[in-house]
Protein backbone atom coordinates (compact mmCIF):
# COMPACT_ATOMS: atom_id res chain seq x y z
CA MET A 1 122.73 83.60 80.60
CA ALA A 2 120.63 83.15 83.51
CA THR A 3 116.51 83.46 82.96
CA ILE A 4 113.53 83.69 85.10
CA HIS A 5 110.57 81.81 84.78
CA VAL A 6 106.99 84.84 83.93
CA ASP A 7 103.43 83.96 84.26
CA VAL A 8 100.75 86.21 83.36
CA VAL A 9 97.13 85.43 83.93
CA SER A 10 94.15 87.21 83.57
CA ALA A 11 90.51 85.68 85.48
CA GLU A 12 90.11 84.24 81.99
CA GLU A 13 93.69 82.76 80.92
CA SER A 14 97.02 82.61 80.99
CA ILE A 15 97.95 85.53 78.77
CA PHE A 16 102.08 84.19 78.63
CA SER A 17 104.04 81.51 80.35
CA GLY A 18 107.98 81.56 79.53
CA GLU A 19 111.75 82.58 80.37
CA ALA A 20 112.61 85.89 80.74
CA LYS A 21 115.94 87.98 81.04
CA PHE A 22 113.83 90.85 82.17
CA VAL A 23 111.10 91.79 83.16
CA ALA A 24 109.34 95.91 83.67
CA LEU A 25 106.02 96.82 85.28
CA PRO A 26 104.25 99.74 86.21
CA GLY A 27 104.50 99.60 90.25
CA GLU A 28 102.22 101.51 92.37
CA MET A 29 104.97 103.84 93.31
CA GLY A 30 106.77 103.32 89.82
CA GLU A 31 108.38 101.40 87.55
CA LEU A 32 109.52 97.73 88.66
CA GLY A 33 112.41 95.95 87.27
CA ILE A 34 113.02 92.00 87.95
CA TYR A 35 115.70 90.64 86.78
CA PRO A 36 116.78 86.22 87.37
CA ARG A 37 117.59 86.20 91.50
CA HIS A 38 115.52 88.72 92.47
CA THR A 39 114.83 89.50 95.98
CA PRO A 40 111.21 87.64 96.61
CA LEU A 41 108.80 90.85 96.49
CA ILE A 42 104.73 91.02 96.65
CA THR A 43 103.29 94.15 95.53
CA ARG A 44 99.99 95.51 93.91
CA ILE A 45 100.98 96.75 90.34
CA LYS A 46 99.06 99.55 88.48
CA ALA A 47 97.31 99.90 84.80
CA GLY A 48 100.02 99.90 82.10
CA SER A 49 102.25 97.53 79.85
CA VAL A 50 104.29 94.22 81.02
CA ARG A 51 107.58 94.37 79.20
CA ILE A 52 108.78 91.07 79.18
CA GLU A 53 112.81 91.02 77.45
CA MET A 54 112.69 87.33 76.23
CA ALA A 55 115.75 84.87 76.38
CA ASN A 56 116.37 85.32 72.88
CA GLY A 57 116.63 88.95 72.66
CA THR A 58 112.88 89.49 71.13
CA GLU A 59 110.37 91.55 73.47
CA GLU A 60 106.63 90.34 74.92
CA PHE A 61 104.17 93.63 75.62
CA VAL A 62 100.96 92.92 78.13
CA PHE A 63 98.39 95.72 78.78
CA VAL A 64 97.45 94.70 82.77
CA ALA A 65 94.50 96.51 84.14
CA GLY A 66 96.36 96.63 87.85
CA GLY A 67 96.76 93.48 89.98
CA LEU A 68 99.29 91.21 92.08
CA LEU A 69 102.74 90.65 91.37
CA GLU A 70 104.81 87.53 93.02
CA VAL A 71 108.24 87.80 92.76
CA GLN A 72 110.40 84.92 93.66
CA PRO A 73 114.13 84.23 92.48
CA HIS A 74 113.43 82.13 89.66
CA CYS A 75 109.76 83.03 89.36
CA VAL A 76 107.90 86.25 88.32
CA THR A 77 103.58 86.20 88.65
CA VAL A 78 101.55 88.28 87.50
CA LEU A 79 97.97 88.65 88.43
CA SER A 80 95.54 90.83 86.68
CA ASP A 81 91.43 90.67 86.71
CA THR A 82 92.42 91.82 83.01
CA ALA A 83 95.32 91.34 80.84
CA VAL A 84 95.63 91.46 76.48
CA ARG A 85 98.55 90.55 74.58
CA GLY A 86 99.96 93.62 73.31
CA LYS A 87 99.39 92.72 70.01
CA ASP A 88 95.99 92.29 70.74
CA LEU A 89 95.34 95.03 71.63
CA ASP A 90 92.62 97.44 69.48
CA ASP A 91 92.90 101.14 69.19
CA GLU A 92 89.57 101.35 68.28
CA LYS A 93 87.90 99.68 70.88
CA ALA A 94 90.15 101.18 73.55
CA ASN A 95 88.93 104.86 72.45
CA ALA A 96 85.75 104.17 72.01
CA ALA A 97 85.90 102.54 76.02
CA LYS A 98 87.89 106.11 77.01
CA GLN A 99 84.57 107.99 75.50
CA ALA A 100 82.26 105.93 77.71
CA ALA A 101 84.20 106.09 80.54
CA GLU A 102 84.36 110.06 80.22
CA GLU A 103 80.93 110.19 79.33
CA ALA A 104 80.25 108.39 82.01
CA LEU A 105 82.13 110.59 84.20
CA LYS A 106 79.81 113.41 82.44
CA ASN A 107 77.37 111.71 84.26
CA ALA A 108 77.68 110.37 87.31
CA LYS A 109 75.58 111.28 90.22
CA GLY A 110 76.82 109.52 93.40
CA GLU A 111 80.62 109.23 94.69
CA LEU A 112 80.51 105.78 93.51
CA ASP A 113 79.52 106.37 90.32
CA ILE A 114 82.22 109.16 89.91
CA ALA A 115 84.72 106.58 91.44
CA LYS A 116 84.21 103.88 88.72
CA ALA A 117 84.23 106.14 86.43
CA GLN A 118 87.37 107.55 86.80
CA SER A 119 88.85 104.40 87.75
CA GLU A 120 87.93 102.92 84.24
CA LEU A 121 89.03 106.38 82.35
CA ALA A 122 92.45 105.77 84.39
CA VAL A 123 92.52 102.12 82.68
CA MET A 124 91.46 102.72 78.95
CA ALA A 125 94.06 106.18 79.31
CA ALA A 126 96.53 103.01 80.39
CA GLN A 127 95.92 100.99 77.85
CA ILE A 128 95.89 103.71 75.47
CA ALA A 129 99.34 104.78 76.32
CA ALA A 130 101.00 100.28 76.27
CA LEU A 131 99.36 100.00 72.92
CA ARG A 132 101.55 103.41 71.43
CA LYS A 133 104.10 102.02 73.72
CA TYR A 134 103.70 98.96 71.79
CA ARG A 135 103.73 100.43 68.29
CA GLN A 136 106.49 102.16 68.34
CA LYS A 137 108.66 98.82 69.23
CA LYS A 138 107.70 97.62 66.33
């Protein structure tokens, strides 16, 4: 069975490194699916779930807050400022951060403050969606 090496890296640490049969992640224009021997590609990704189908049939989920994807025929690298393993996602923290972002949006005065609050709100909404998706799979 053909596999592809997958690395998911955040600014702080390596979140995942291993062999997979398939990787799905949120591209800017829609969902991307990567199989072994995929055509080389570099693109930006949106906040959301990276689903890694392992060689043994199990799945690994990682939430990324956007970033970059590099695909080579035998290697996939996901680079993100923030990446969290699905099992480490915290529902209470995510909801609290979403509420804080909503409050910041209400209190934003300038365009820059509004843009920052909207961006943070979008990331938190994506993280909550990723958490729900992860829990449905369990």
